[in-house]
Amino acid sequence: MSLSPKYAALLANLSRNTPTQVDPLLFEHSPTEGCDIAFVDTRPPVSAKLWARPEDETSYIGIRVTSPIANQHEIAADLAAAAVERHIIPIFLSWVGQCGMQQFGFRVELIGGANIAETQACEEQLKRLWNLAIIVDVADISSFG
């Protein structure tokens, strides 16, 4: 298996340094301030679709973010390694606005909606757009090993 240059670079350049938050300098308030998001906690089912594709074909997985990510570096390293090993591309589905995974080069889609039904419909639309095999909560990533 060849090592994807994008994810090899990500693994090589991971740093524990935290970028400076510039939003307070640019905006009067935080871009996520006042965003009330409802979420129904459901465990993702095991998906045979993830591994049903040919070995040389890439699968896309959704990573649902419903609260700020405290361990961004660990999540980035785990997902970069999985991307290389399993030919997957993670797509973050952020219910909280900018979740911080952009700094590592990951694709982040912002989920919007005025209520839970609209928010779930938005997520479902992105699932179809990216042909996501599965969607898992970011909190579950470290438990996958």
Protein backbone atom coordinates (compact mmCIF):
# COMPACT_ATOMS: atom_id res chain seq x y z
CA MET A 1 0.00 0.00 0.00
CA SER A 2 1.30 3.44 -0.84
CA LEU A 3 1.28 6.23 1.69
CA SER A 4 -0.99 9.11 0.68
CA PRO A 5 1.22 12.24 0.46
CA LYS A 6 -1.52 14.38 2.03
CA TYR A 7 -1.86 12.24 5.14
CA ALA A 8 1.86 11.46 5.36
CA ALA A 9 2.46 15.22 5.47
CA LEU A 10 -0.24 15.61 8.12
CA LEU A 11 1.37 12.94 10.31
CA ALA A 12 4.82 14.48 9.81
CA ASN A 13 3.68 18.00 10.68
CA LEU A 14 1.43 17.39 13.69
CA SER A 15 2.28 19.69 16.54
CA ARG A 16 0.93 20.04 20.06
CA ASN A 17 1.08 23.83 19.70
CA THR A 18 -2.32 25.48 19.69
CA PRO A 19 -3.06 28.22 17.16
CA THR A 20 -3.97 31.64 18.48
CA GLN A 21 -7.70 32.36 18.48
CA VAL A 22 -8.17 35.50 16.36
CA ASP A 23 -11.98 35.59 16.25
CA PRO A 24 -12.22 38.02 19.21
CA LEU A 25 -9.89 40.39 17.33
CA LEU A 26 -11.95 40.23 14.14
CA PHE A 27 -15.51 39.96 15.42
CA GLU A 28 -17.53 41.60 18.16
CA HIS A 29 -18.67 38.16 19.33
CA SER A 30 -17.77 34.55 18.68
CA PRO A 31 -19.14 33.18 15.37
CA THR A 32 -20.71 30.29 17.32
CA GLU A 33 -22.15 32.46 20.10
CA GLY A 34 -25.89 32.00 20.44
CA CYS A 35 -26.03 28.80 18.38
CA ASP A 36 -28.37 26.46 20.24
CA ILE A 37 -28.11 23.02 18.72
CA ALA A 38 -30.24 20.08 19.72
CA PHE A 39 -28.80 16.59 19.31
CA VAL A 40 -30.26 13.15 19.70
CA ASP A 41 -27.55 10.74 20.86
CA THR A 42 -27.67 7.59 18.77
CA ARG A 43 -24.90 5.05 18.42
CA PRO A 44 -23.77 4.50 14.82
CA PRO A 45 -24.56 1.04 13.50
CA VAL A 46 -21.75 -1.15 12.23
CA SER A 47 -21.53 -0.53 8.51
CA ALA A 48 -20.63 -3.25 6.04
CA LYS A 49 -20.69 -0.49 3.41
CA LEU A 50 -17.36 0.83 4.71
CA TRP A 51 -15.46 -2.28 3.64
CA ALA A 52 -17.76 -3.38 0.78
CA ARG A 53 -15.81 -1.34 -1.78
CA PRO A 54 -12.87 -2.71 -3.74
CA GLU A 55 -9.58 -2.62 -1.83
CA ASP A 56 -8.09 0.11 -4.03
CA GLU A 57 -11.17 2.36 -3.82
CA THR A 58 -11.46 5.10 -1.21
CA SER A 59 -14.32 5.18 1.32
CA TYR A 60 -15.59 8.38 2.91
CA ILE A 61 -16.64 8.46 6.56
CA GLY A 62 -18.47 11.20 8.42
CA ILE A 63 -17.20 12.40 11.78
CA ARG A 64 -20.02 14.12 13.71
CA VAL A 65 -18.89 16.99 15.97
CA THR A 66 -21.52 18.13 18.49
CA SER A 67 -19.25 19.80 21.04
CA PRO A 68 -15.77 21.38 20.96
CA ILE A 69 -12.98 18.86 20.42
CA ALA A 70 -10.55 18.88 23.34
CA ASN A 71 -8.01 16.41 21.94
CA GLN A 72 -7.71 17.67 18.36
CA HIS A 73 -4.12 16.48 17.85
CA GLU A 74 -4.91 12.93 18.92
CA ILE A 75 -8.02 12.79 16.72
CA ALA A 76 -6.03 14.18 13.77
CA ALA A 77 -3.29 11.59 14.23
CA ASP A 78 -5.78 8.70 14.59
CA LEU A 79 -7.74 9.72 11.50
CA ALA A 80 -4.63 10.40 9.40
CA ALA A 81 -3.32 6.93 10.27
CA ALA A 82 -6.71 5.37 9.47
CA ALA A 83 -6.81 7.25 6.17
CA VAL A 84 -3.46 5.80 5.17
CA GLU A 85 -4.10 2.27 6.45
CA ARG A 86 -7.71 1.81 5.33
CA HIS A 87 -8.03 4.13 2.30
CA ILE A 88 -10.66 6.30 3.99
CA ILE A 89 -11.22 10.03 3.84
CA PRO A 90 -12.80 11.55 6.95
CA ILE A 91 -15.30 14.38 6.46
CA PHE A 92 -16.13 16.30 9.64
CA LEU A 93 -19.81 17.22 10.05
CA SER A 94 -19.70 20.06 12.53
CA TRP A 95 -22.83 20.96 14.46
CA VAL A 96 -20.82 23.59 16.42
CA GLY A 97 -19.45 25.83 13.67
CA GLN A 98 -15.69 25.89 13.16
CA CYS A 99 -14.49 22.83 15.07
CA GLY A 100 -10.75 23.32 14.62
CA MET A 101 -9.98 20.31 12.42
CA GLN A 102 -9.48 22.58 9.41
CA GLN A 103 -6.04 23.47 10.78
CA PHE A 104 -4.92 19.89 10.03
CA GLY A 105 -6.24 19.95 6.47
CA PHE A 106 -9.41 17.95 7.05
CA ARG A 107 -12.61 18.77 5.19
CA VAL A 108 -15.20 20.26 7.58
CA GLU A 109 -18.83 20.68 6.59
CA LEU A 110 -20.93 22.99 8.77
CA ILE A 111 -24.32 21.57 9.72
CA GLY A 112 -27.12 24.11 10.06
CA GLY A 113 -30.80 24.18 10.83
CA ALA A 114 -33.33 26.02 12.96
CA ASN A 115 -34.49 22.81 14.67
CA ILE A 116 -33.47 19.18 15.06
CA ALA A 117 -35.38 18.04 11.96
CA GLU A 118 -33.67 20.62 9.74
CA THR A 119 -30.27 19.83 11.27
CA GLN A 120 -30.70 16.10 10.69
CA ALA A 121 -31.90 16.78 7.13
CA CYS A 122 -28.77 18.87 6.52
CA GLU A 123 -26.58 16.04 7.81
CA GLU A 124 -28.45 13.51 5.65
CA GLN A 125 -27.98 15.70 2.58
CA LEU A 126 -24.22 15.87 3.21
CA LYS A 127 -24.16 12.11 3.76
CA ARG A 128 -25.60 11.64 0.27
CA LEU A 129 -23.36 14.32 -1.27
CA TRP A 130 -20.15 12.73 0.03
CA ASN A 131 -21.48 9.15 -0.26
CA LEU A 132 -20.49 8.59 3.38
CA ALA A 133 -20.29 4.91 4.27
CA ILE A 134 -20.85 5.65 7.99
CA ILE A 135 -21.11 8.58 10.39
CA VAL A 136 -19.53 8.27 13.84
CA ASP A 137 -19.32 10.70 16.73
CA VAL A 138 -15.90 12.29 17.17
CA ALA A 139 -15.98 11.22 20.85
CA ASP A 140 -15.98 7.58 19.69
CA ILE A 141 -12.86 7.88 17.48
CA SER A 142 -10.34 7.22 20.26
CA SER A 143 -12.21 4.06 21.30
CA PHE A 144 -11.75 2.49 17.85
CA GLY A 145 -8.09 1.75 18.60
